[in-house]
PDB file of N, CA and C in Angstrom:
ATOM      1  N   MET A   1       1.885   4.015  11.849  1.00  0.00           N
ATOM      2  CA  MET A   1       2.042   5.079  10.870  1.00  0.00           C
ATOM      3  C   MET A   1       2.582   4.461   9.578  1.00  0.00           C
ATOM      4  N   PRO A   2       1.994   4.821   8.438  1.00  0.00           N
ATOM      5  CA  PRO A   2       2.471   4.274   7.153  1.00  0.00           C
ATOM      6  C   PRO A   2       3.928   4.669   6.873  1.00  0.00           C
ATOM      7  N   ALA A   3       4.631   3.782   6.190  1.00  0.00           N
ATOM      8  CA  ALA A   3       6.055   3.995   5.914  1.00  0.00           C
ATOM      9  C   ALA A   3       6.310   5.293   5.153  1.00  0.00           C
ATOM     10  N   HIS A   4       5.415   5.649   4.210  1.00  0.00           N
ATOM     11  CA  HIS A   4       5.666   6.859   3.422  1.00  0.00           C
ATOM     12  C   HIS A   4       5.636   8.116   4.287  1.00  0.00           C
ATOM     13  N   TYR A   5       4.855   8.106   5.369  1.00  0.00           N
ATOM     14  CA  TYR A   5       4.874   9.248   6.278  1.00  0.00           C
ATOM     15  C   TYR A   5       6.165   9.270   7.096  1.00  0.00           C
ATOM     16  N   ILE A   6       6.658   8.113   7.468  1.00  0.00           N
ATOM     17  CA  ILE A   6       7.942   8.052   8.178  1.00  0.00           C
ATOM     18  C   ILE A   6       9.050   8.583   7.273  1.00  0.00           C
ATOM     19  N   TYR A   7       9.044   8.172   5.999  1.00  0.00           N
ATOM     20  CA  TYR A   7      10.032   8.681   5.041  1.00  0.00           C
ATOM     21  C   TYR A   7       9.930  10.201   4.916  1.00  0.00           C
ATOM     22  N   LEU A   8       8.706  10.705   4.850  1.00  0.00           N
ATOM     23  CA  LEU A   8       8.510  12.150   4.695  1.00  0.00           C
ATOM     24  C   LEU A   8       8.995  12.903   5.936  1.00  0.00           C
ATOM     25  N   ILE A   9       8.677  12.395   7.111  1.00  0.00           N
ATOM     26  CA  ILE A   9       9.131  13.046   8.348  1.00  0.00           C
ATOM     27  C   ILE A   9      10.656  13.054   8.412  1.00  0.00           C
ATOM     28  N   LEU A  10      11.282  11.923   8.088  1.00  0.00           N
ATOM     29  CA  LEU A  10      12.743  11.863   8.095  1.00  0.00           C
ATOM     30  C   LEU A  10      13.349  12.772   7.025  1.00  0.00           C
ATOM     31  N   ALA A  11      12.679  12.891   5.876  1.00  0.00           N
ATOM     32  CA  ALA A  11      13.146  13.805   4.827  1.00  0.00           C
ATOM     33  C   ALA A  11      13.108  15.251   5.314  1.00  0.00           C
ATOM     34  N   ILE A  12      12.058  15.601   6.036  1.00  0.00           N
ATOM     35  CA  ILE A  12      11.938  16.959   6.585  1.00  0.00           C
ATOM     36  C   ILE A  12      13.043  17.209   7.613  1.00  0.00           C
ATOM     37  N   LEU A  13      13.271  16.240   8.471  1.00  0.00           N
ATOM     38  CA  LEU A  13      14.311  16.399   9.495  1.00  0.00           C
ATOM     39  C   LEU A  13      15.694  16.531   8.879  1.00  0.00           C
ATOM     40  N   THR A  14      16.009  15.703   7.884  1.00  0.00           N
ATOM     41  CA  THR A  14      17.340  15.789   7.279  1.00  0.00           C
ATOM     42  C   THR A  14      17.496  17.062   6.454  1.00  0.00           C
ATOM     43  N   GLU A  15      16.419  17.524   5.830  1.00  0.00           N
ATOM     44  CA  GLU A  15      16.478  18.799   5.105  1.00  0.00           C
ATOM     45  C   GLU A  15      16.722  19.938   6.076  1.00  0.00           C
ATOM     46  N   THR A  16      16.087  19.871   7.239  1.00  0.00           N
ATOM     47  CA  THR A  16      16.279  20.897   8.262  1.00  0.00           C
ATOM     48  C   THR A  16      17.719  20.887   8.782  1.00  0.00           C
ATOM     49  N   ILE A  17      18.261  19.702   8.974  1.00  0.00           N
ATOM     50  CA  ILE A  17      19.666  19.590   9.379  1.00  0.00           C
ATOM     51  C   ILE A  17      20.575  20.186   8.304  1.00  0.00           C
ATOM     52  N   GLY A  18      20.299  19.875   7.045  1.00  0.00           N
ATOM     53  CA  GLY A  18      21.102  20.399   5.939  1.00  0.00           C
ATOM     54  C   GLY A  18      21.052  21.913   5.844  1.00  0.00           C
ATOM     55  N   THR A  19      19.877  22.472   6.015  1.00  0.00           N
ATOM     56  CA  THR A  19      19.744  23.927   5.937  1.00  0.00           C
ATOM     57  C   THR A  19      20.401  24.605   7.134  1.00  0.00           C
ATOM     58  N   THR A  20      20.310  23.993   8.304  1.00  0.00           N
ATOM     59  CA  THR A  20      21.009  24.525   9.476  1.00  0.00           C
ATOM     60  C   THR A  20      22.515  24.480   9.257  1.00  0.00           C
ATOM     61  N   ALA A  21      22.993  23.377   8.696  1.00  0.00           N
ATOM     62  CA  ALA A  21      24.426  23.267   8.393  1.00  0.00           C
ATOM     63  C   ALA A  21      24.837  24.273   7.323  1.00  0.00           C
ATOM     64  N   LEU A  22      23.932  24.583   6.404  1.00  0.00           N
ATOM     65  CA  LEU A  22      24.229  25.578   5.373  1.00  0.00           C
ATOM     66  C   LEU A  22      24.530  26.931   6.020  1.00  0.00           C
ATOM     67  N   GLN A  23      23.737  27.309   7.009  1.00  0.00           N
ATOM     68  CA  GLN A  23      24.001  28.554   7.738  1.00  0.00           C
ATOM     69  C   GLN A  23      25.330  28.450   8.481  1.00  0.00           C
ATOM     70  N   ALA A  24      25.574  27.303   9.109  1.00  0.00           N
ATOM     71  CA  ALA A  24      26.800  27.110   9.887  1.00  0.00           C
ATOM     72  C   ALA A  24      28.050  27.015   9.002  1.00  0.00           C
ATOM     73  N   SER A  25      27.865  26.657   7.719  1.00  0.00           N
ATOM     74  CA  SER A  25      29.019  26.518   6.825  1.00  0.00           C
ATOM     75  C   SER A  25      29.616  27.862   6.426  1.00  0.00           C
ATOM     76  N   GLN A  26      28.892  28.938   6.717  1.00  0.00           N
ATOM     77  CA  GLN A  26      29.330  30.300   6.360  1.00  0.00           C
ATOM     78  C   GLN A  26      29.689  30.381   4.870  1.00  0.00           C
ATOM     79  N   GLN A  27      28.683  30.103   4.052  1.00  0.00           N
ATOM     80  CA  GLN A  27      28.797  30.132   2.585  1.00  0.00           C
ATOM     81  C   GLN A  27      29.862  29.140   2.088  1.00  0.00           C
ATOM     82  N   PHE A  28      29.846  27.937   2.644  1.00  0.00           N
ATOM     83  CA  PHE A  28      30.738  26.837   2.269  1.00  0.00           C
ATOM     84  C   PHE A  28      32.216  27.157   2.529  1.00  0.00           C
ATOM     85  N   THR A  29      32.497  27.973   3.519  1.00  0.00           N
ATOM     86  CA  THR A  29      33.890  28.256   3.872  1.00  0.00           C
ATOM     87  C   THR A  29      34.371  27.398   5.037  1.00  0.00           C
ATOM     88  N   ARG A  30      33.469  26.674   5.675  1.00  0.00           N
ATOM     89  CA  ARG A  30      33.832  25.753   6.764  1.00  0.00           C
ATOM     90  C   ARG A  30      33.585  24.329   6.267  1.00  0.00           C
ATOM     91  N   PHE A  31      34.602  23.486   6.368  1.00  0.00           N
ATOM     92  CA  PHE A  31      34.593  22.169   5.726  1.00  0.00           C
ATOM     93  C   PHE A  31      33.503  21.235   6.258  1.00  0.00           C
ATOM     94  N   TRP A  32      33.486  20.934   7.555  1.00  0.00           N
ATOM     95  CA  TRP A  32      32.571  19.922   8.082  1.00  0.00           C
ATOM     96  C   TRP A  32      31.108  20.330   7.973  1.00  0.00           C
ATOM     97  N   PRO A  33      30.738  21.559   8.268  1.00  0.00           N
ATOM     98  CA  PRO A  33      29.340  21.930   8.022  1.00  0.00           C
ATOM     99  C   PRO A  33      28.967  21.820   6.535  1.00  0.00           C
ATOM    100  N   SER A  34      29.929  22.095   5.646  1.00  0.00           N
ATOM    101  CA  SER A  34      29.663  21.969   4.212  1.00  0.00           C
ATOM    102  C   SER A  34      29.431  20.517   3.818  1.00  0.00           C
ATOM    103  N   VAL A  35      30.229  19.612   4.390  1.00  0.00           N
ATOM    104  CA  VAL A  35      30.035  18.182   4.137  1.00  0.00           C
ATOM    105  C   VAL A  35      28.659  17.751   4.636  1.00  0.00           C
ATOM    106  N   LEU A  36      28.279  18.231   5.813  1.00  0.00           N
ATOM    107  CA  LEU A  36      26.968  17.887   6.372  1.00  0.00           C
ATOM    108  C   LEU A  36      25.836  18.388   5.481  1.00  0.00           C
ATOM    109  N   VAL A  37      25.988  19.560   4.881  1.00  0.00           N
ATOM    110  CA  VAL A  37      24.973  20.088   3.962  1.00  0.00           C
ATOM    111  C   VAL A  37      24.723  19.086   2.842  1.00  0.00           C
ATOM    112  N   VAL A  38      25.789  18.659   2.188  1.00  0.00           N
ATOM    113  CA  VAL A  38      25.664  17.758   1.038  1.00  0.00           C
ATOM    114  C   VAL A  38      25.051  16.420   1.454  1.00  0.00           C
ATOM    115  N   LEU A  39      25.549  15.846   2.543  1.00  0.00           N
ATOM    116  CA  LEU A  39      25.033  14.554   3.000  1.00  0.00           C
ATOM    117  C   LEU A  39      23.564  14.644   3.422  1.00  0.00           C
ATOM    118  N   ALA A  40      23.229  15.662   4.189  1.00  0.00           N
ATOM    119  CA  ALA A  40      21.854  15.795   4.677  1.00  0.00           C
ATOM    120  C   ALA A  40      20.876  16.006   3.523  1.00  0.00           C
ATOM    121  N   TYR A  41      21.239  16.854   2.556  1.00  0.00           N
ATOM    122  CA  TYR A  41      20.344  17.059   1.416  1.00  0.00           C
ATOM    123  C   TYR A  41      20.214  15.793   0.570  1.00  0.00           C
ATOM    124  N   ALA A  42      21.304  15.058   0.388  1.00  0.00           N
ATOM    125  CA  ALA A  42      21.240  13.813  -0.380  1.00  0.00           C
ATOM    126  C   ALA A  42      20.298  12.815   0.296  1.00  0.00           C
ATOM    127  N   ILE A  43      20.428  12.660   1.594  1.00  0.00           N
ATOM    128  CA  ILE A  43      19.547  11.750   2.332  1.00  0.00           C
ATOM    129  C   ILE A  43      18.103  12.242   2.271  1.00  0.00           C
ATOM    130  N   SER A  44      17.915  13.537   2.420  1.00  0.00           N
ATOM    131  CA  SER A  44      16.573  14.102   2.379  1.00  0.00           C
ATOM    132  C   SER A  44      15.893  13.837   1.040  1.00  0.00           C
ATOM    133  N   PHE A  45      16.602  14.061  -0.056  1.00  0.00           N
ATOM    134  CA  PHE A  45      15.999  13.834  -1.366  1.00  0.00           C
ATOM    135  C   PHE A  45      15.728  12.352  -1.623  1.00  0.00           C
ATOM    136  N   TYR A  46      16.580  11.476  -1.112  1.00  0.00           N
ATOM    137  CA  TYR A  46      16.335  10.040  -1.241  1.00  0.00           C
ATOM    138  C   TYR A  46      15.047   9.661  -0.498  1.00  0.00           C
ATOM    139  N   LEU A  47      14.920  10.136   0.742  1.00  0.00           N
ATOM    140  CA  LEU A  47      13.723   9.841   1.522  1.00  0.00           C
ATOM    141  C   LEU A  47      12.483  10.476   0.900  1.00  0.00           C
ATOM    142  N   LEU A  48      12.644  11.655   0.340  1.00  0.00           N
ATOM    143  CA  LEU A  48      11.537  12.314  -0.357  1.00  0.00           C
ATOM    144  C   LEU A  48      11.078  11.457  -1.537  1.00  0.00           C
ATOM    145  N   ALA A  49      12.023  10.892  -2.265  1.00  0.00           N
ATOM    146  CA  ALA A  49      11.694  10.017  -3.391  1.00  0.00           C
ATOM    147  C   ALA A  49      10.922   8.786  -2.933  1.00  0.00           C
ATOM    148  N   LEU A  50      11.261   8.257  -1.767  1.00  0.00           N
ATOM    149  CA  LEU A  50      10.530   7.103  -1.248  1.00  0.00           C
ATOM    150  C   LEU A  50       9.083   7.474  -0.913  1.00  0.00           C
ATOM    151  N   ALA A  51       8.884   8.647  -0.347  1.00  0.00           N
ATOM    152  CA  ALA A  51       7.522   9.104  -0.050  1.00  0.00           C
ATOM    153  C   ALA A  51       6.720   9.311  -1.331  1.00  0.00           C
ATOM    154  N   LEU A  52       7.402   9.715  -2.403  1.00  0.00           N
ATOM    155  CA  LEU A  52       6.723   9.973  -3.676  1.00  0.00           C
ATOM    156  C   LEU A  52       6.221   8.702  -4.352  1.00  0.00           C
ATOM    157  N   LYS A  53       6.653   7.546  -3.882  1.00  0.00           N
ATOM    158  CA  LYS A  53       6.137   6.291  -4.437  1.00  0.00           C
ATOM    159  C   LYS A  53       4.648   6.133  -4.149  1.00  0.00           C
ATOM    160  N   VAL A  54       4.169   6.772  -3.074  1.00  0.00           N
ATOM    161  CA  VAL A  54       2.785   6.611  -2.646  1.00  0.00           C
ATOM    162  C   VAL A  54       1.989   7.912  -2.729  1.00  0.00           C
ATOM    163  N   MET A  55       2.640   9.032  -2.440  1.00  0.00           N
ATOM    164  CA  MET A  55       1.943  10.311  -2.338  1.00  0.00           C
ATOM    165  C   MET A  55       2.200  11.179  -3.568  1.00  0.00           C
ATOM    166  N   PRO A  56       1.245  12.042  -3.931  1.00  0.00           N
ATOM    167  CA  PRO A  56       1.429  12.951  -5.065  1.00  0.00           C
ATOM    168  C   PRO A  56       2.523  13.988  -4.788  1.00  0.00           C
ATOM    169  N   VAL A  57       3.245  14.356  -5.817  1.00  0.00           N
ATOM    170  CA  VAL A  57       4.389  15.259  -5.677  1.00  0.00           C
ATOM    171  C   VAL A  57       3.995  16.609  -5.085  1.00  0.00           C
ATOM    172  N   GLY A  58       2.867  17.152  -5.477  1.00  0.00           N
ATOM    173  CA  GLY A  58       2.451  18.457  -4.961  1.00  0.00           C
ATOM    174  C   GLY A  58       2.180  18.429  -3.467  1.00  0.00           C
ATOM    175  N   ILE A  59       1.556  17.364  -3.006  1.00  0.00           N
ATOM    176  CA  ILE A  59       1.252  17.222  -1.583  1.00  0.00           C
ATOM    177  C   ILE A  59       2.539  17.002  -0.788  1.00  0.00           C
ATOM    178  N   VAL A  60       3.394  16.102  -1.274  1.00  0.00           N
ATOM    179  CA  VAL A  60       4.661  15.825  -0.597  1.00  0.00           C
ATOM    180  C   VAL A  60       5.495  17.096  -0.499  1.00  0.00           C
ATOM    181  N   TYR A  61       5.594  17.817  -1.607  1.00  0.00           N
ATOM    182  CA  TYR A  61       6.435  19.018  -1.610  1.00  0.00           C
ATOM    183  C   TYR A  61       5.852  20.104  -0.716  1.00  0.00           C
ATOM    184  N   ALA A  62       4.531  20.235  -0.688  1.00  0.00           N
ATOM    185  CA  ALA A  62       3.903  21.240   0.181  1.00  0.00           C
ATOM    186  C   ALA A  62       4.206  20.956   1.646  1.00  0.00           C
ATOM    187  N   ILE A  63       4.089  19.700   2.046  1.00  0.00           N
ATOM    188  CA  ILE A  63       4.349  19.340   3.439  1.00  0.00           C
ATOM    189  C   ILE A  63       5.837  19.466   3.750  1.00  0.00           C
ATOM    190  N   TRP A  64       6.690  18.942   2.867  1.00  0.00           N
ATOM    191  CA  TRP A  64       8.147  18.958   3.067  1.00  0.00           C
ATOM    192  C   TRP A  64       8.673  20.392   3.163  1.00  0.00           C
ATOM    193  N   SER A  65       8.303  21.202   2.197  1.00  0.00           N
ATOM    194  CA  SER A  65       8.820  22.572   2.196  1.00  0.00           C
ATOM    195  C   SER A  65       8.178  23.420   3.290  1.00  0.00           C
ATOM    196  N   GLY A  66       6.889  23.247   3.517  1.00  0.00           N
ATOM    197  CA  GLY A  66       6.208  24.039   4.538  1.00  0.00           C
ATOM    198  C   GLY A  66       6.740  23.777   5.934  1.00  0.00           C
ATOM    199  N   LEU A  67       6.843  22.511   6.295  1.00  0.00           N
ATOM    200  CA  LEU A  67       7.377  22.203   7.625  1.00  0.00           C
ATOM    201  C   LEU A  67       8.856  22.563   7.719  1.00  0.00           C
ATOM    202  N   GLY A  68       9.583  22.404   6.620  1.00  0.00           N
ATOM    203  CA  GLY A  68      10.984  22.822   6.603  1.00  0.00           C
ATOM    204  C   GLY A  68      11.126  24.310   6.879  1.00  0.00           C
ATOM    205  N   ILE A  69      10.261  25.108   6.275  1.00  0.00           N
ATOM    206  CA  ILE A  69      10.281  26.558   6.494  1.00  0.00           C
ATOM    207  C   ILE A  69      10.030  26.880   7.966  1.00  0.00           C
ATOM    208  N   VAL A  70       9.023  26.261   8.540  1.00  0.00           N
ATOM    209  CA  VAL A  70       8.676  26.535   9.933  1.00  0.00           C
ATOM    210  C   VAL A  70       9.811  26.098  10.861  1.00  0.00           C
ATOM    211  N   PHE A  71      10.347  24.892  10.645  1.00  0.00           N
ATOM    212  CA  PHE A  71      11.432  24.404  11.504  1.00  0.00           C
ATOM    213  C   PHE A  71      12.682  25.279  11.390  1.00  0.00           C
ATOM    214  N   ILE A  72      13.030  25.679  10.168  1.00  0.00           N
ATOM    215  CA  ILE A  72      14.219  26.519   9.984  1.00  0.00           C
ATOM    216  C   ILE A  72      14.010  27.895  10.616  1.00  0.00           C
ATOM    217  N   ALA A  73      12.808  28.438  10.525  1.00  0.00           N
ATOM    218  CA  ALA A  73      12.535  29.721  11.180  1.00  0.00           C
ATOM    219  C   ALA A  73      12.705  29.596  12.691  1.00  0.00           C
ATOM    220  N   MET A  74      12.236  28.474  13.252  1.00  0.00           N
ATOM    221  CA  MET A  74      12.390  28.260  14.695  1.00  0.00           C
ATOM    222  C   MET A  74      13.863  28.080  15.067  1.00  0.00           C
ATOM    223  N   ILE A  75      14.603  27.330  14.277  1.00  0.00           N
ATOM    224  CA  ILE A  75      16.034  27.145  14.535  1.00  0.00           C
ATOM    225  C   ILE A  75      16.778  28.471  14.386  1.00  0.00           C
ATOM    226  N   GLY A  76      16.433  29.230  13.368  1.00  0.00           N
ATOM    227  CA  GLY A  76      17.048  30.548  13.195  1.00  0.00           C
ATOM    228  C   GLY A  76      16.822  31.432  14.413  1.00  0.00           C
ATOM    229  N   PHE A  77      15.630  31.368  14.948  1.00  0.00           N
ATOM    230  CA  PHE A  77      15.297  32.163  16.130  1.00  0.00           C
ATOM    231  C   PHE A  77      16.039  31.646  17.363  1.00  0.00           C
ATOM    232  N   LEU A  78      15.977  30.329  17.601  1.00  0.00           N
ATOM    233  CA  LEU A  78      16.522  29.745  18.829  1.00  0.00           C
ATOM    234  C   LEU A  78      18.043  29.593  18.821  1.00  0.00           C
ATOM    235  N   VAL A  79      18.603  29.212  17.671  1.00  0.00           N
ATOM    236  CA  VAL A  79      20.034  28.900  17.606  1.00  0.00           C
ATOM    237  C   VAL A  79      20.861  30.082  17.118  1.00  0.00           C
ATOM    238  N   PHE A  80      20.367  30.758  16.074  1.00  0.00           N
ATOM    239  CA  PHE A  80      21.153  31.810  15.442  1.00  0.00           C
ATOM    240  C   PHE A  80      20.745  33.214  15.868  1.00  0.00           C
ATOM    241  N   GLY A  81      19.749  33.324  16.760  1.00  0.00           N
ATOM    242  CA  GLY A  81      19.351  34.628  17.281  1.00  0.00           C
ATOM    243  C   GLY A  81      18.668  35.524  16.265  1.00  0.00           C
ATOM    244  N   GLN A  82      18.081  34.938  15.222  1.00  0.00           N
ATOM    245  CA  GLN A  82      17.386  35.728  14.213  1.00  0.00           C
ATOM    246  C   GLN A  82      15.996  36.094  14.725  1.00  0.00           C
ATOM    247  N   LYS A  83      15.579  37.297  14.456  1.00  0.00           N
ATOM    248  CA  LYS A  83      14.315  37.814  14.975  1.00  0.00           C
ATOM    249  C   LYS A  83      13.148  37.432  14.062  1.00  0.00           C
ATOM    250  N   LEU A  84      11.991  37.234  14.681  1.00  0.00           N
ATOM    251  CA  LEU A  84      10.737  37.011  13.955  1.00  0.00           C
ATOM    252  C   LEU A  84       9.735  38.060  14.429  1.00  0.00           C
ATOM    253  N   ASP A  85       9.257  38.895  13.497  1.00  0.00           N
ATOM    254  CA  ASP A  85       8.238  39.862  13.883  1.00  0.00           C
ATOM    255  C   ASP A  85       6.855  39.219  13.735  1.00  0.00           C
ATOM    256  N   TRP A  86       5.816  39.968  14.127  1.00  0.00           N
ATOM    257  CA  TRP A  86       4.466  39.411  14.101  1.00  0.00           C
ATOM    258  C   TRP A  86       4.008  38.998  12.709  1.00  0.00           C
ATOM    259  N   PRO A  87       4.282  39.763  11.647  1.00  0.00           N
ATOM    260  CA  PRO A  87       3.884  39.287  10.317  1.00  0.00           C
ATOM    261  C   PRO A  87       4.564  37.963   9.942  1.00  0.00           C
ATOM    262  N   ALA A  88       5.835  37.787  10.343  1.00  0.00           N
ATOM    263  CA  ALA A  88       6.530  36.529  10.061  1.00  0.00           C
ATOM    264  C   ALA A  88       5.887  35.378  10.828  1.00  0.00           C
ATOM    265  N   ILE A  89       5.558  35.610  12.077  1.00  0.00           N
ATOM    266  CA  ILE A  89       4.914  34.579  12.895  1.00  0.00           C
ATOM    267  C   ILE A  89       3.543  34.226  12.324  1.00  0.00           C
ATOM    268  N   LEU A  90       2.800  35.238  11.904  1.00  0.00           N
ATOM    269  CA  LEU A  90       1.493  34.998  11.284  1.00  0.00           C
ATOM    270  C   LEU A  90       1.654  34.181  10.003  1.00  0.00           C
ATOM    271  N   GLY A  91       2.619  34.536   9.178  1.00  0.00           N
ATOM    272  CA  GLY A  91       2.855  33.790   7.947  1.00  0.00           C
ATOM    273  C   GLY A  91       3.203  32.339   8.216  1.00  0.00           C
ATOM    274  N   LEU A  92       4.045  32.097   9.229  1.00  0.00           N
ATOM    275  CA  LEU A  92       4.400  30.725   9.595  1.00  0.00           C
ATOM    276  C   LEU A  92       3.180  29.961  10.106  1.00  0.00           C
ATOM    277  N   ALA A  93       2.323  30.637  10.861  1.00  0.00           N
ATOM    278  CA  ALA A  93       1.090  30.007  11.342  1.00  0.00           C
ATOM    279  C   ALA A  93       0.179  29.640  10.166  1.00  0.00           C
ATOM    280  N   LEU A  94       0.134  30.497   9.163  1.00  0.00           N
ATOM    281  CA  LEU A  94      -0.682  30.196   7.980  1.00  0.00           C
ATOM    282  C   LEU A  94      -0.122  29.001   7.215  1.00  0.00           C
ATOM    283  N   ILE A  95       1.199  28.882   7.146  1.00  0.00           N
ATOM    284  CA  ILE A  95       1.807  27.716   6.508  1.00  0.00           C
ATOM    285  C   ILE A  95       1.396  26.451   7.254  1.00  0.00           C
ATOM    286  N   LEU A  96       1.504  26.470   8.579  1.00  0.00           N
ATOM    287  CA  LEU A  96       1.085  25.310   9.374  1.00  0.00           C
ATOM    288  C   LEU A  96      -0.396  24.999   9.187  1.00  0.00           C
ATOM    289  N   THR A  97      -1.210  26.043   9.108  1.00  0.00           N
ATOM    290  CA  THR A  97      -2.642  25.848   8.876  1.00  0.00           C
ATOM    291  C   THR A  97      -2.878  25.170   7.529  1.00  0.00           C
ATOM    292  N   GLY A  98      -2.160  25.597   6.510  1.00  0.00           N
ATOM    293  CA  GLY A  98      -2.293  24.980   5.197  1.00  0.00           C
ATOM    294  C   GLY A  98      -1.910  23.512   5.215  1.00  0.00           C
ATOM    295  N   ILE A  99      -0.848  23.172   5.926  1.00  0.00           N
ATOM    296  CA  ILE A  99      -0.428  21.773   6.026  1.00  0.00           C
ATOM    297  C   ILE A  99      -1.495  20.950   6.747  1.00  0.00           C
ATOM    298  N   LEU A 100      -2.066  21.511   7.803  1.00  0.00           N
ATOM    299  CA  LEU A 100      -3.135  20.811   8.516  1.00  0.00           C
ATOM    300  C   LEU A 100      -4.361  20.604   7.629  1.00  0.00           C
ATOM    301  N   VAL A 101      -4.725  21.594   6.849  1.00  0.00           N
ATOM    302  CA  VAL A 101      -5.862  21.462   5.938  1.00  0.00           C
ATOM    303  C   VAL A 101      -5.612  20.330   4.942  1.00  0.00           C
ATOM    304  N   ILE A 102      -4.403  20.298   4.380  1.00  0.00           N
ATOM    305  CA  ILE A 102      -4.055  19.220   3.444  1.00  0.00           C
ATOM    306  C   ILE A 102      -4.157  17.873   4.139  1.00  0.00           C
ATOM    307  N   HIS A 103      -3.547  17.761   5.304  1.00  0.00           N
ATOM    308  CA  HIS A 103      -3.507  16.475   5.994  1.00  0.00           C
ATOM    309  C   HIS A 103      -4.889  16.023   6.466  1.00  0.00           C
ATOM    310  N   LEU A 104      -5.681  16.934   6.999  1.00  0.00           N
ATOM    311  CA  LEU A 104      -6.965  16.556   7.584  1.00  0.00           C
ATOM    312  C   LEU A 104      -8.090  16.408   6.573  1.00  0.00           C
ATOM    313  N   PHE A 105      -8.049  17.174   5.493  1.00  0.00           N
ATOM    314  CA  PHE A 105      -9.219  17.218   4.609  1.00  0.00           C
ATOM    315  C   PHE A 105      -8.968  16.759   3.169  1.00  0.00           C
ATOM    316  N   SER A 106      -7.736  16.691   2.741  1.00  0.00           N
ATOM    317  CA  SER A 106      -7.466  16.328   1.352  1.00  0.00           C
ATOM    318  C   SER A 106      -7.528  14.822   1.167  1.00  0.00           C
ATOM    319  N   LYS A 107      -8.213  14.395   0.134  1.00  0.00           N
ATOM    320  CA  LYS A 107      -8.246  12.976  -0.203  1.00  0.00           C
ATOM    321  C   LYS A 107      -7.036  12.577  -1.043  1.00  0.00           C
ATOM    322  N   THR A 108      -6.248  13.553  -1.499  1.00  0.00           N
ATOM    323  CA  THR A 108      -5.061  13.251  -2.291  1.00  0.00           C
ATOM    324  C   THR A 108      -3.802  13.144  -1.448  1.00  0.00           C
ATOM    325  N   ALA A 109      -3.926  13.283  -0.128  1.00  0.00           N
ATOM    326  CA  ALA A 109      -2.754  13.299   0.743  1.00  0.00           C
ATOM    327  C   ALA A 109      -2.126  11.921   0.940  1.00  0.00           C
ATOM    328  N   GLY A 110      -2.737  10.866   0.482  1.00  0.00           N
ATOM    329  CA  GLY A 110      -2.150   9.535   0.552  1.00  0.00           C
ATOM    330  C   GLY A 110      -2.163   8.943   1.950  1.00  0.00           C
ATOM    331  N   HIS A 111      -3.266   9.079   2.656  1.00  0.00           N
ATOM    332  CA  HIS A 111      -3.372   8.551   4.031  1.00  0.00           C
ATOM    333  C   HIS A 111      -3.291   7.048   4.035  1.00  0.00           C
TER     334      HIS A 111
END
């Protein structure tokens, strides 16, 4: 797997950790989850910048934000007990479909 995809995957994972910690920080009123938010986002943006050396910004951001949305929705459901109705599930499926279309068919995706 090319290094820029590894950077992008790690950026998505650290962004997901940061957003999960953001929920756990209770609006920055809990110290350690708040520290984790800042560190995770800093690492995520650094890794995102590394992916941008090879891939176009629009493609990188679409994949990063789209997968981040799906992962956070799943974490919200599994960890925080947040509900997902059918329209939300359909919307998340459409986001995943869009990412697959970009990855499988776009020549600008930086394969």
